[in-house]
Amino acid sequence: MPGNETWITVCSKDDLAPGTMRWVSVNGERVLLANVEGEFCAVSDRCGHQFASLSRGRLNGHEVECPLHFATFDVRTGKCTGGPDSKDIACYQVLVMGDDVRIKPRKPGGSGEAGLKF
């Protein structure tokens, strides 16, 4: 595992089929975990516009659509890709190790990269 950093196991690879998503808890934060064609990505579960739960929206490829005002976000980067005036959302590093899917908690003000596999 990279360094001595803390990674939180959130599920097994088999728990989340390709094309699906769900929220998981990482140190008390709601994080949206998505499986995009076998690549696991994690972003904040809160929309950057009015803080709706993105896990209640729709996943279309690598974009999640907010159920409230239909803002869209790239689950690989957290970037807002469309919709009403919205801010980008936090992105988390994801590590797939064996059958485990792990997420690295963010440091305050930090950002992450999706898709690390070992």
PDB file of N, CA and C in Angstrom:
ATOM      1  N   MET A   1       0.863  -1.171   0.000  1.00  0.00           N
ATOM      2  CA  MET A   1       0.000   0.000   0.000  1.00  0.00           C
ATOM      3  C   MET A   1       0.906   1.230   0.000  1.00  0.00           C
ATOM      4  N   PRO A   2       0.540   2.292  -0.754  1.00  0.00           N
ATOM      5  CA  PRO A   2       1.411   3.450  -0.826  1.00  0.00           C
ATOM      6  C   PRO A   2       1.671   4.065   0.546  1.00  0.00           C
ATOM      7  N   GLY A   3       2.938   4.239   0.913  1.00  0.00           N
ATOM      8  CA  GLY A   3       3.300   4.882   2.171  1.00  0.00           C
ATOM      9  C   GLY A   3       2.646   4.233   3.378  1.00  0.00           C
ATOM     10  N   ASN A   4       2.585   4.973   4.451  1.00  0.00           N
ATOM     11  CA  ASN A   4       1.895   4.522   5.657  1.00  0.00           C
ATOM     12  C   ASN A   4       0.597   5.293   5.832  1.00  0.00           C
ATOM     13  N   GLU A   5      -0.005   5.703   4.724  1.00  0.00           N
ATOM     14  CA  GLU A   5      -1.207   6.520   4.763  1.00  0.00           C
ATOM     15  C   GLU A   5      -2.417   5.678   5.162  1.00  0.00           C
ATOM     16  N   THR A   6      -3.414   6.331   5.687  1.00  0.00           N
ATOM     17  CA  THR A   6      -4.638   5.665   6.091  1.00  0.00           C
ATOM     18  C   THR A   6      -5.589   5.543   4.907  1.00  0.00           C
ATOM     19  N   TRP A   7      -6.069   4.348   4.668  1.00  0.00           N
ATOM     20  CA  TRP A   7      -7.086   4.071   3.651  1.00  0.00           C
ATOM     21  C   TRP A   7      -8.235   3.371   4.360  1.00  0.00           C
ATOM     22  N   ILE A   8      -9.462   3.752   4.042  1.00  0.00           N
ATOM     23  CA  ILE A   8     -10.655   3.177   4.668  1.00  0.00           C
ATOM     24  C   ILE A   8     -11.284   2.183   3.692  1.00  0.00           C
ATOM     25  N   THR A   9     -11.427   0.925   4.111  1.00  0.00           N
ATOM     26  CA  THR A   9     -12.124  -0.063   3.275  1.00  0.00           C
ATOM     27  C   THR A   9     -13.613   0.233   3.348  1.00  0.00           C
ATOM     28  N   VAL A  10     -14.242   0.448   2.169  1.00  0.00           N
ATOM     29  CA  VAL A  10     -15.655   0.833   2.140  1.00  0.00           C
ATOM     30  C   VAL A  10     -16.561  -0.255   1.575  1.00  0.00           C
ATOM     31  N   CYS A  11     -15.995  -1.180   0.790  1.00  0.00           N
ATOM     32  CA  CYS A  11     -16.790  -2.278   0.253  1.00  0.00           C
ATOM     33  C   CYS A  11     -15.880  -3.250  -0.481  1.00  0.00           C
ATOM     34  N   SER A  12     -16.472  -4.314  -0.973  1.00  0.00           N
ATOM     35  CA  SER A  12     -15.791  -5.264  -1.839  1.00  0.00           C
ATOM     36  C   SER A  12     -16.067  -4.871  -3.290  1.00  0.00           C
ATOM     37  N   LYS A  13     -15.159  -5.225  -4.196  1.00  0.00           N
ATOM     38  CA  LYS A  13     -15.383  -4.924  -5.613  1.00  0.00           C
ATOM     39  C   LYS A  13     -16.723  -5.466  -6.095  1.00  0.00           C
ATOM     40  N   ASP A  14     -17.119  -6.634  -5.598  1.00  0.00           N
ATOM     41  CA  ASP A  14     -18.355  -7.267  -6.044  1.00  0.00           C
ATOM     42  C   ASP A  14     -19.613  -6.595  -5.496  1.00  0.00           C
ATOM     43  N   ASP A  15     -19.454  -5.708  -4.523  1.00  0.00           N
ATOM     44  CA  ASP A  15     -20.614  -5.031  -3.925  1.00  0.00           C
ATOM     45  C   ASP A  15     -21.199  -3.938  -4.821  1.00  0.00           C
ATOM     46  N   LEU A  16     -20.450  -3.502  -5.829  1.00  0.00           N
ATOM     47  CA  LEU A  16     -20.884  -2.374  -6.657  1.00  0.00           C
ATOM     48  C   LEU A  16     -20.655  -2.726  -8.127  1.00  0.00           C
ATOM     49  N   ALA A  17     -21.731  -3.092  -8.803  1.00  0.00           N
ATOM     50  CA  ALA A  17     -21.650  -3.509 -10.207  1.00  0.00           C
ATOM     51  C   ALA A  17     -21.300  -2.319 -11.105  1.00  0.00           C
ATOM     52  N   PRO A  18     -20.673  -2.574 -12.255  1.00  0.00           N
ATOM     53  CA  PRO A  18     -20.403  -1.484 -13.199  1.00  0.00           C
ATOM     54  C   PRO A  18     -21.689  -0.726 -13.550  1.00  0.00           C
ATOM     55  N   GLY A  19     -21.562   0.599 -13.611  1.00  0.00           N
ATOM     56  CA  GLY A  19     -22.714   1.449 -13.936  1.00  0.00           C
ATOM     57  C   GLY A  19     -23.580   1.801 -12.748  1.00  0.00           C
ATOM     58  N   THR A  20     -23.117   1.458 -11.534  1.00  0.00           N
ATOM     59  CA  THR A  20     -23.909   1.776 -10.343  1.00  0.00           C
ATOM     60  C   THR A  20     -23.092   2.637  -9.381  1.00  0.00           C
ATOM     61  N   MET A  21     -23.795   3.192  -8.408  1.00  0.00           N
ATOM     62  CA  MET A  21     -23.161   4.050  -7.408  1.00  0.00           C
ATOM     63  C   MET A  21     -23.926   3.931  -6.105  1.00  0.00           C
ATOM     64  N   ARG A  22     -23.278   4.366  -5.023  1.00  0.00           N
ATOM     65  CA  ARG A  22     -23.933   4.422  -3.716  1.00  0.00           C
ATOM     66  C   ARG A  22     -23.086   5.315  -2.823  1.00  0.00           C
ATOM     67  N   TRP A  23     -23.666   5.733  -1.711  1.00  0.00           N
ATOM     68  CA  TRP A  23     -22.875   6.535  -0.776  1.00  0.00           C
ATOM     69  C   TRP A  23     -22.265   5.616   0.269  1.00  0.00           C
ATOM     70  N   VAL A  24     -21.088   6.024   0.707  1.00  0.00           N
ATOM     71  CA  VAL A  24     -20.368   5.326   1.775  1.00  0.00           C
ATOM     72  C   VAL A  24     -19.886   6.385   2.754  1.00  0.00           C
ATOM     73  N   SER A  25     -19.561   5.958   3.956  1.00  0.00           N
ATOM     74  CA  SER A  25     -19.071   6.882   4.967  1.00  0.00           C
ATOM     75  C   SER A  25     -17.558   6.761   5.079  1.00  0.00           C
ATOM     76  N   VAL A  26     -16.879   7.903   5.003  1.00  0.00           N
ATOM     77  CA  VAL A  26     -15.430   7.961   5.167  1.00  0.00           C
ATOM     78  C   VAL A  26     -15.150   8.997   6.253  1.00  0.00           C
ATOM     79  N   ASN A  27     -14.779   8.514   7.429  1.00  0.00           N
ATOM     80  CA  ASN A  27     -14.534   9.394   8.582  1.00  0.00           C
ATOM     81  C   ASN A  27     -15.693  10.353   8.831  1.00  0.00           C
ATOM     82  N   GLY A  28     -16.910   9.851   8.725  1.00  0.00           N
ATOM     83  CA  GLY A  28     -18.095  10.645   9.006  1.00  0.00           C
ATOM     84  C   GLY A  28     -18.586  11.497   7.850  1.00  0.00           C
ATOM     85  N   GLU A  29     -17.893  11.476   6.704  1.00  0.00           N
ATOM     86  CA  GLU A  29     -18.334  12.229   5.529  1.00  0.00           C
ATOM     87  C   GLU A  29     -19.039  11.300   4.562  1.00  0.00           C
ATOM     88  N   ARG A  30     -20.134  11.795   3.947  1.00  0.00           N
ATOM     89  CA  ARG A  30     -20.821  11.027   2.913  1.00  0.00           C
ATOM     90  C   ARG A  30     -20.043  11.181   1.606  1.00  0.00           C
ATOM     91  N   VAL A  31     -19.640  10.046   1.064  1.00  0.00           N
ATOM     92  CA  VAL A  31     -18.867  10.017  -0.172  1.00  0.00           C
ATOM     93  C   VAL A  31     -19.624   9.170  -1.185  1.00  0.00           C
ATOM     94  N   LEU A  32     -19.731   9.668  -2.408  1.00  0.00           N
ATOM     95  CA  LEU A  32     -20.361   8.926  -3.491  1.00  0.00           C
ATOM     96  C   LEU A  32     -19.303   8.038  -4.129  1.00  0.00           C
ATOM     97  N   LEU A  33     -19.531   6.732  -4.132  1.00  0.00           N
ATOM     98  CA  LEU A  33     -18.641   5.771  -4.774  1.00  0.00           C
ATOM     99  C   LEU A  33     -19.337   5.247  -6.010  1.00  0.00           C
ATOM    100  N   ALA A  34     -18.670   5.348  -7.161  1.00  0.00           N
ATOM    101  CA  ALA A  34     -19.249   4.910  -8.433  1.00  0.00           C
ATOM    102  C   ALA A  34     -18.324   3.902  -9.093  1.00  0.00           C
ATOM    103  N   ASN A  35     -18.920   2.932  -9.767  1.00  0.00           N
ATOM    104  CA  ASN A  35     -18.175   1.975 -10.569  1.00  0.00           C
ATOM    105  C   ASN A  35     -18.458   2.314 -12.029  1.00  0.00           C
ATOM    106  N   VAL A  36     -17.469   2.894 -12.701  1.00  0.00           N
ATOM    107  CA  VAL A  36     -17.606   3.281 -14.106  1.00  0.00           C
ATOM    108  C   VAL A  36     -16.789   2.294 -14.932  1.00  0.00           C
ATOM    109  N   GLU A  37     -17.477   1.304 -15.487  1.00  0.00           N
ATOM    110  CA  GLU A  37     -16.841   0.289 -16.325  1.00  0.00           C
ATOM    111  C   GLU A  37     -15.646  -0.360 -15.636  1.00  0.00           C
ATOM    112  N   GLY A  38     -15.796  -0.664 -14.356  1.00  0.00           N
ATOM    113  CA  GLY A  38     -14.744  -1.325 -13.597  1.00  0.00           C
ATOM    114  C   GLY A  38     -13.767  -0.396 -12.906  1.00  0.00           C
ATOM    115  N   GLU A  39     -13.841   0.906 -13.180  1.00  0.00           N
ATOM    116  CA  GLU A  39     -12.996   1.889 -12.490  1.00  0.00           C
ATOM    117  C   GLU A  39     -13.809   2.502 -11.362  1.00  0.00           C
ATOM    118  N   PHE A  40     -13.284   2.423 -10.152  1.00  0.00           N
ATOM    119  CA  PHE A  40     -13.978   2.975  -8.997  1.00  0.00           C
ATOM    120  C   PHE A  40     -13.550   4.422  -8.795  1.00  0.00           C
ATOM    121  N   CYS A  41     -14.537   5.304  -8.636  1.00  0.00           N
ATOM    122  CA  CYS A  41     -14.307   6.734  -8.462  1.00  0.00           C
ATOM    123  C   CYS A  41     -15.085   7.203  -7.246  1.00  0.00           C
ATOM    124  N   ALA A  42     -14.565   8.210  -6.568  1.00  0.00           N
ATOM    125  CA  ALA A  42     -15.227   8.709  -5.362  1.00  0.00           C
ATOM    126  C   ALA A  42     -15.176  10.230  -5.322  1.00  0.00           C
ATOM    127  N   VAL A  43     -16.341  10.820  -5.065  1.00  0.00           N
ATOM    128  CA  VAL A  43     -16.477  12.271  -4.924  1.00  0.00           C
ATOM    129  C   VAL A  43     -17.422  12.543  -3.756  1.00  0.00           C
ATOM    130  N   SER A  44     -17.511  13.780  -3.363  1.00  0.00           N
ATOM    131  CA  SER A  44     -18.459  14.155  -2.313  1.00  0.00           C
ATOM    132  C   SER A  44     -19.874  13.778  -2.742  1.00  0.00           C
ATOM    133  N   ASP A  45     -20.687  13.361  -1.791  1.00  0.00           N
ATOM    134  CA  ASP A  45     -22.087  13.031  -2.087  1.00  0.00           C
ATOM    135  C   ASP A  45     -22.981  14.265  -2.053  1.00  0.00           C
ATOM    136  N   ARG A  46     -22.383  15.440  -1.904  1.00  0.00           N
ATOM    137  CA  ARG A  46     -23.170  16.675  -1.819  1.00  0.00           C
ATOM    138  C   ARG A  46     -22.966  17.533  -3.048  1.00  0.00           C
ATOM    139  N   CYS A  47     -24.060  17.878  -3.717  1.00  0.00           N
ATOM    140  CA  CYS A  47     -24.020  18.744  -4.889  1.00  0.00           C
ATOM    141  C   CYS A  47     -23.426  20.097  -4.505  1.00  0.00           C
ATOM    142  N   GLY A  48     -22.645  20.673  -5.398  1.00  0.00           N
ATOM    143  CA  GLY A  48     -22.033  21.970  -5.151  1.00  0.00           C
ATOM    144  C   GLY A  48     -22.990  23.136  -5.282  1.00  0.00           C
ATOM    145  N   HIS A  49     -24.241  22.885  -5.698  1.00  0.00           N
ATOM    146  CA  HIS A  49     -25.222  23.957  -5.891  1.00  0.00           C
ATOM    147  C   HIS A  49     -26.063  24.158  -4.637  1.00  0.00           C
ATOM    148  N   GLN A  50     -26.872  23.164  -4.276  1.00  0.00           N
ATOM    149  CA  GLN A  50     -27.694  23.287  -3.077  1.00  0.00           C
ATOM    150  C   GLN A  50     -27.561  22.088  -2.152  1.00  0.00           C
ATOM    151  N   PHE A  51     -26.448  21.387  -2.281  1.00  0.00           N
ATOM    152  CA  PHE A  51     -26.041  20.338  -1.353  1.00  0.00           C
ATOM    153  C   PHE A  51     -26.968  19.122  -1.300  1.00  0.00           C
ATOM    154  N   ALA A  52     -27.685  18.846  -2.394  1.00  0.00           N
ATOM    155  CA  ALA A  52     -28.511  17.634  -2.464  1.00  0.00           C
ATOM    156  C   ALA A  52     -27.605  16.401  -2.505  1.00  0.00           C
ATOM    157  N   SER A  53     -28.148  15.261  -2.114  1.00  0.00           N
ATOM    158  CA  SER A  53     -27.403  14.003  -2.129  1.00  0.00           C
ATOM    159  C   SER A  53     -27.299  13.481  -3.565  1.00  0.00           C
ATOM    160  N   LEU A  54     -26.084  13.458  -4.100  1.00  0.00           N
ATOM    161  CA  LEU A  54     -25.877  13.005  -5.475  1.00  0.00           C
ATOM    162  C   LEU A  54     -26.164  11.518  -5.641  1.00  0.00           C
ATOM    163  N   SER A  55     -26.046  10.750  -4.577  1.00  0.00           N
ATOM    164  CA  SER A  55     -26.315   9.312  -4.672  1.00  0.00           C
ATOM    165  C   SER A  55     -27.789   9.030  -4.971  1.00  0.00           C
ATOM    166  N   ARG A  56     -28.630  10.040  -4.854  1.00  0.00           N
ATOM    167  CA  ARG A  56     -30.054   9.896  -5.217  1.00  0.00           C
ATOM    168  C   ARG A  56     -30.313  10.299  -6.659  1.00  0.00           C
ATOM    169  N   GLY A  57     -29.247  10.703  -7.346  1.00  0.00           N
ATOM    170  CA  GLY A  57     -29.367  11.107  -8.750  1.00  0.00           C
ATOM    171  C   GLY A  57     -29.129   9.941  -9.693  1.00  0.00           C
ATOM    172  N   ARG A  58     -28.687  10.283 -10.921  1.00  0.00           N
ATOM    173  CA  ARG A  58     -28.445   9.261 -11.940  1.00  0.00           C
ATOM    174  C   ARG A  58     -26.981   9.276 -12.347  1.00  0.00           C
ATOM    175  N   LEU A  59     -26.458   8.068 -12.594  1.00  0.00           N
ATOM    176  CA  LEU A  59     -25.101   7.927 -13.107  1.00  0.00           C
ATOM    177  C   LEU A  59     -25.210   7.601 -14.586  1.00  0.00           C
ATOM    178  N   ASN A  60     -24.580   8.439 -15.411  1.00  0.00           N
ATOM    179  CA  ASN A  60     -24.575   8.230 -16.853  1.00  0.00           C
ATOM    180  C   ASN A  60     -23.124   8.257 -17.315  1.00  0.00           C
ATOM    181  N   GLY A  61     -22.547   7.073 -17.514  1.00  0.00           N
ATOM    182  CA  GLY A  61     -21.124   6.999 -17.834  1.00  0.00           C
ATOM    183  C   GLY A  61     -20.316   7.490 -16.652  1.00  0.00           C
ATOM    184  N   HIS A  62     -19.488   8.516 -16.873  1.00  0.00           N
ATOM    185  CA  HIS A  62     -18.662   9.057 -15.783  1.00  0.00           C
ATOM    186  C   HIS A  62     -19.265  10.327 -15.174  1.00  0.00           C
ATOM    187  N   GLU A  63     -20.540  10.612 -15.500  1.00  0.00           N
ATOM    188  CA  GLU A  63     -21.192  11.792 -14.930  1.00  0.00           C
ATOM    189  C   GLU A  63     -22.357  11.397 -14.030  1.00  0.00           C
ATOM    190  N   VAL A  64     -22.447  12.093 -12.892  1.00  0.00           N
ATOM    191  CA  VAL A  64     -23.580  11.922 -12.002  1.00  0.00           C
ATOM    192  C   VAL A  64     -24.428  13.188 -12.107  1.00  0.00           C
ATOM    193  N   GLU A  65     -25.749  12.982 -12.141  1.00  0.00           N
ATOM    194  CA  GLU A  65     -26.679  14.104 -12.254  1.00  0.00           C
ATOM    195  C   GLU A  65     -27.391  14.316 -10.927  1.00  0.00           C
ATOM    196  N   CYS A  66     -27.372  15.546 -10.449  1.00  0.00           N
ATOM    197  CA  CYS A  66     -28.038  15.893  -9.201  1.00  0.00           C
ATOM    198  C   CYS A  66     -29.554  15.745  -9.363  1.00  0.00           C
ATOM    199  N   PRO A  67     -30.228  15.136  -8.383  1.00  0.00           N
ATOM    200  CA  PRO A  67     -31.673  14.951  -8.491  1.00  0.00           C
ATOM    201  C   PRO A  67     -32.478  16.231  -8.261  1.00  0.00           C
ATOM    202  N   LEU A  68     -31.841  17.270  -7.745  1.00  0.00           N
ATOM    203  CA  LEU A  68     -32.573  18.488  -7.398  1.00  0.00           C
ATOM    204  C   LEU A  68     -32.694  19.461  -8.568  1.00  0.00           C
ATOM    205  N   HIS A  69     -31.566  19.910  -9.107  1.00  0.00           N
ATOM    206  CA  HIS A  69     -31.595  20.884 -10.195  1.00  0.00           C
ATOM    207  C   HIS A  69     -30.803  20.422 -11.407  1.00  0.00           C
ATOM    208  N   PHE A  70     -30.446  19.138 -11.456  1.00  0.00           N
ATOM    209  CA  PHE A  70     -29.848  18.493 -12.624  1.00  0.00           C
ATOM    210  C   PHE A  70     -28.449  18.982 -12.988  1.00  0.00           C
ATOM    211  N   ALA A  71     -27.714  19.524 -12.017  1.00  0.00           N
ATOM    212  CA  ALA A  71     -26.299  19.810 -12.258  1.00  0.00           C
ATOM    213  C   ALA A  71     -25.599  18.470 -12.475  1.00  0.00           C
ATOM    214  N   THR A  72     -24.542  18.462 -13.278  1.00  0.00           N
ATOM    215  CA  THR A  72     -23.805  17.227 -13.524  1.00  0.00           C
ATOM    216  C   THR A  72     -22.343  17.402 -13.107  1.00  0.00           C
ATOM    217  N   PHE A  73     -21.758  16.293 -12.645  1.00  0.00           N
ATOM    218  CA  PHE A  73     -20.390  16.289 -12.153  1.00  0.00           C
ATOM    219  C   PHE A  73     -19.662  15.064 -12.683  1.00  0.00           C
ATOM    220  N   ASP A  74     -18.401  15.234 -13.016  1.00  0.00           N
ATOM    221  CA  ASP A  74     -17.553  14.128 -13.445  1.00  0.00           C
ATOM    222  C   ASP A  74     -17.069  13.402 -12.191  1.00  0.00           C
ATOM    223  N   VAL A  75     -17.427  12.121 -12.043  1.00  0.00           N
ATOM    224  CA  VAL A  75     -17.067  11.384 -10.834  1.00  0.00           C
ATOM    225  C   VAL A  75     -15.571  11.059 -10.784  1.00  0.00           C
ATOM    226  N   ARG A  76     -14.859  11.277 -11.885  1.00  0.00           N
ATOM    227  CA  ARG A  76     -13.407  11.034 -11.895  1.00  0.00           C
ATOM    228  C   ARG A  76     -12.628  12.216 -11.340  1.00  0.00           C
ATOM    229  N   THR A  77     -13.214  13.422 -11.431  1.00  0.00           N
ATOM    230  CA  THR A  77     -12.477  14.636 -11.059  1.00  0.00           C
ATOM    231  C   THR A  77     -13.213  15.540 -10.081  1.00  0.00           C
ATOM    232  N   GLY A  78     -14.540  15.410  -9.978  1.00  0.00           N
ATOM    233  CA  GLY A  78     -15.345  16.304  -9.152  1.00  0.00           C
ATOM    234  C   GLY A  78     -15.726  17.594  -9.859  1.00  0.00           C
ATOM    235  N   LYS A  79     -15.307  17.761 -11.101  1.00  0.00           N
ATOM    236  CA  LYS A  79     -15.598  18.989 -11.851  1.00  0.00           C
ATOM    237  C   LYS A  79     -17.078  19.053 -12.222  1.00  0.00           C
ATOM    238  N   CYS A  80     -17.664  20.254 -12.075  1.00  0.00           N
ATOM    239  CA  CYS A  80     -19.032  20.489 -12.519  1.00  0.00           C
ATOM    240  C   CYS A  80     -19.009  20.548 -14.046  1.00  0.00           C
ATOM    241  N   THR A  81     -19.847  19.752 -14.700  1.00  0.00           N
ATOM    242  CA  THR A  81     -19.850  19.683 -16.158  1.00  0.00           C
ATOM    243  C   THR A  81     -21.107  20.266 -16.788  1.00  0.00           C
ATOM    244  N   GLY A  82     -22.058  20.724 -15.971  1.00  0.00           N
ATOM    245  CA  GLY A  82     -23.269  21.313 -16.527  1.00  0.00           C
ATOM    246  C   GLY A  82     -24.292  21.606 -15.461  1.00  0.00           C
ATOM    247  N   GLY A  83     -25.325  22.334 -15.879  1.00  0.00           N
ATOM    248  CA  GLY A  83     -26.418  22.637 -14.961  1.00  0.00           C
ATOM    249  C   GLY A  83     -26.333  24.033 -14.401  1.00  0.00           C
ATOM    250  N   PRO A  84     -27.098  24.284 -13.343  1.00  0.00           N
ATOM    251  CA  PRO A  84     -27.118  25.626 -12.760  1.00  0.00           C
ATOM    252  C   PRO A  84     -25.755  26.003 -12.181  1.00  0.00           C
ATOM    253  N   ASP A  85     -25.620  27.241 -11.861  1.00  0.00           N
ATOM    254  CA  ASP A  85     -24.371  27.728 -11.270  1.00  0.00           C
ATOM    255  C   ASP A  85     -23.999  26.832 -10.100  1.00  0.00           C
ATOM    256  N   SER A  86     -22.915  26.120 -10.245  1.00  0.00           N
ATOM    257  CA  SER A  86     -22.525  25.153  -9.226  1.00  0.00           C
ATOM    258  C   SER A  86     -21.017  25.141  -9.075  1.00  0.00           C
ATOM    259  N   LYS A  87     -20.575  24.725  -7.891  1.00  0.00           N
ATOM    260  CA  LYS A  87     -19.155  24.607  -7.616  1.00  0.00           C
ATOM    261  C   LYS A  87     -18.709  23.166  -7.841  1.00  0.00           C
ATOM    262  N   ASP A  88     -17.431  22.977  -8.131  1.00  0.00           N
ATOM    263  CA  ASP A  88     -16.867  21.642  -8.200  1.00  0.00           C
ATOM    264  C   ASP A  88     -17.001  20.999  -6.825  1.00  0.00           C
ATOM    265  N   ILE A  89     -16.965  19.678  -6.798  1.00  0.00           N
ATOM    266  CA  ILE A  89     -17.081  18.957  -5.539  1.00  0.00           C
ATOM    267  C   ILE A  89     -15.772  18.219  -5.248  1.00  0.00           C
ATOM    268  N   ALA A  90     -15.592  17.836  -4.000  1.00  0.00           N
ATOM    269  CA  ALA A  90     -14.363  17.158  -3.585  1.00  0.00           C
ATOM    270  C   ALA A  90     -14.235  15.798  -4.260  1.00  0.00           C
ATOM    271  N   CYS A  91     -13.010  15.451  -4.595  1.00  0.00           N
ATOM    272  CA  CYS A  91     -12.680  14.167  -5.200  1.00  0.00           C
ATOM    273  C   CYS A  91     -11.768  13.414  -4.236  1.00  0.00           C
ATOM    274  N   TYR A  92     -11.944  12.109  -4.153  1.00  0.00           N
ATOM    275  CA  TYR A  92     -11.177  11.274  -3.222  1.00  0.00           C
ATOM    276  C   TYR A  92     -10.343  10.262  -3.985  1.00  0.00           C
ATOM    277  N   GLN A  93      -9.187   9.930  -3.449  1.00  0.00           N
ATOM    278  CA  GLN A  93      -8.374   8.867  -4.018  1.00  0.00           C
ATOM    279  C   GLN A  93      -9.009   7.525  -3.690  1.00  0.00           C
ATOM    280  N   VAL A  94      -8.998   6.627  -4.685  1.00  0.00           N
ATOM    281  CA  VAL A  94      -9.557   5.292  -4.527  1.00  0.00           C
ATOM    282  C   VAL A  94      -8.452   4.275  -4.790  1.00  0.00           C
ATOM    283  N   LEU A  95      -8.400   3.264  -3.963  1.00  0.00           N
ATOM    284  CA  LEU A  95      -7.415   2.193  -4.088  1.00  0.00           C
ATOM    285  C   LEU A  95      -8.164   0.871  -4.127  1.00  0.00           C
ATOM    286  N   VAL A  96      -7.935   0.075  -5.168  1.00  0.00           N
ATOM    287  CA  VAL A  96      -8.482  -1.273  -5.223  1.00  0.00           C
ATOM    288  C   VAL A  96      -7.338  -2.226  -4.923  1.00  0.00           C
ATOM    289  N   MET A  97      -7.465  -2.937  -3.813  1.00  0.00           N
ATOM    290  CA  MET A  97      -6.421  -3.860  -3.388  1.00  0.00           C
ATOM    291  C   MET A  97      -7.058  -5.218  -3.172  1.00  0.00           C
ATOM    292  N   GLY A  98      -6.750  -6.165  -4.046  1.00  0.00           N
ATOM    293  CA  GLY A  98      -7.419  -7.461  -3.989  1.00  0.00           C
ATOM    294  C   GLY A  98      -8.898  -7.255  -4.286  1.00  0.00           C
ATOM    295  N   ASP A  99      -9.750  -7.700  -3.383  1.00  0.00           N
ATOM    296  CA  ASP A  99     -11.201  -7.509  -3.538  1.00  0.00           C
ATOM    297  C   ASP A  99     -11.714  -6.265  -2.827  1.00  0.00           C
ATOM    298  N   ASP A 100     -10.848  -5.594  -2.075  1.00  0.00           N
ATOM    299  CA  ASP A 100     -11.272  -4.432  -1.287  1.00  0.00           C
ATOM    300  C   ASP A 100     -11.209  -3.139  -2.083  1.00  0.00           C
ATOM    301  N   VAL A 101     -12.232  -2.303  -1.903  1.00  0.00           N
ATOM    302  CA  VAL A 101     -12.226  -0.938  -2.428  1.00  0.00           C
ATOM    303  C   VAL A 101     -11.993  -0.025  -1.234  1.00  0.00           C
ATOM    304  N   ARG A 102     -10.943   0.787  -1.328  1.00  0.00           N
ATOM    305  CA  ARG A 102     -10.562   1.658  -0.214  1.00  0.00           C
ATOM    306  C   ARG A 102     -10.521   3.104  -0.676  1.00  0.00           C
ATOM    307  N   ILE A 103     -10.838   3.994   0.249  1.00  0.00           N
ATOM    308  CA  ILE A 103     -10.832   5.434  -0.031  1.00  0.00           C
ATOM    309  C   ILE A 103      -9.914   6.102   0.978  1.00  0.00           C
ATOM    310  N   LYS A 104      -9.112   7.025   0.490  1.00  0.00           N
ATOM    311  CA  LYS A 104      -8.231   7.791   1.363  1.00  0.00           C
ATOM    312  C   LYS A 104      -8.977   9.028   1.844  1.00  0.00           C
ATOM    313  N   PRO A 105      -9.118   9.204   3.153  1.00  0.00           N
ATOM    314  CA  PRO A 105      -9.785  10.417   3.658  1.00  0.00           C
ATOM    315  C   PRO A 105      -9.042  11.665   3.179  1.00  0.00           C
ATOM    316  N   ARG A 106      -9.789  12.708   2.893  1.00  0.00           N
ATOM    317  CA  ARG A 106      -9.193  13.967   2.456  1.00  0.00           C
ATOM    318  C   ARG A 106      -8.712  14.768   3.644  1.00  0.00           C
ATOM    319  N   LYS A 107      -7.641  15.491   3.424  1.00  0.00           N
ATOM    320  CA  LYS A 107      -7.188  16.463   4.412  1.00  0.00           C
ATOM    321  C   LYS A 107      -7.990  17.730   4.168  1.00  0.00           C
ATOM    322  N   PRO A 108      -8.253  18.530   5.170  1.00  0.00           N
ATOM    323  CA  PRO A 108      -8.998  19.780   4.951  1.00  0.00           C
ATOM    324  C   PRO A 108      -8.359  20.611   3.838  1.00  0.00           C
ATOM    325  N   GLY A 109      -9.182  20.959   2.854  1.00  0.00           N
ATOM    326  CA  GLY A 109      -8.699  21.750   1.729  1.00  0.00           C
ATOM    327  C   GLY A 109      -7.969  20.941   0.682  1.00  0.00           C
ATOM    328  N   GLY A 110      -7.867  19.624   0.874  1.00  0.00           N
ATOM    329  CA  GLY A 110      -7.126  18.788  -0.061  1.00  0.00           C
ATOM    330  C   GLY A 110      -7.978  18.310  -1.212  1.00  0.00           C
ATOM    331  N   SER A 111      -7.318  17.697  -2.176  1.00  0.00           N
ATOM    332  CA  SER A 111      -8.028  17.091  -3.292  1.00  0.00           C
ATOM    333  C   SER A 111      -7.459  15.699  -3.505  1.00  0.00           C
ATOM    334  N   GLY A 112      -8.083  14.932  -4.375  1.00  0.00           N
ATOM    335  CA  GLY A 112      -7.609  13.572  -4.589  1.00  0.00           C
ATOM    336  C   GLY A 112      -7.694  13.188  -6.044  1.00  0.00           C
ATOM    337  N   GLU A 113      -7.232  11.999  -6.339  1.00  0.00           N
ATOM    338  CA  GLU A 113      -7.300  11.452  -7.678  1.00  0.00           C
ATOM    339  C   GLU A 113      -7.977  10.102  -7.592  1.00  0.00           C
ATOM    340  N   ALA A 114      -8.825   9.821  -8.571  1.00  0.00           N
ATOM    341  CA  ALA A 114      -9.540   8.547  -8.582  1.00  0.00           C
ATOM    342  C   ALA A 114      -8.715   7.492  -9.315  1.00  0.00           C
ATOM    343  N   GLY A 115      -9.080   6.251  -9.067  1.00  0.00           N
ATOM    344  CA  GLY A 115      -8.641   5.163  -9.894  1.00  0.00           C
ATOM    345  C   GLY A 115      -7.294   4.536  -9.603  1.00  0.00           C
ATOM    346  N   LEU A 116      -6.707   4.702  -8.443  1.00  0.00           N
ATOM    347  CA  LEU A 116      -5.454   4.016  -8.140  1.00  0.00           C
ATOM    348  C   LEU A 116      -5.739   2.537  -7.932  1.00  0.00           C
ATOM    349  N   LYS A 117      -4.960   1.683  -8.574  1.00  0.00           N
ATOM    350  CA  LYS A 117      -5.149   0.237  -8.436  1.00  0.00           C
ATOM    351  C   LYS A 117      -3.810  -0.402  -8.128  1.00  0.00           C
ATOM    352  N   PHE A 118      -3.790  -1.335  -7.174  1.00  0.00           N
ATOM    353  CA  PHE A 118      -2.560  -2.046  -6.823  1.00  0.00           C
ATOM    354  C   PHE A 118      -2.846  -3.523  -6.749  1.00  0.00           C
TER     355      PHE A 118
END
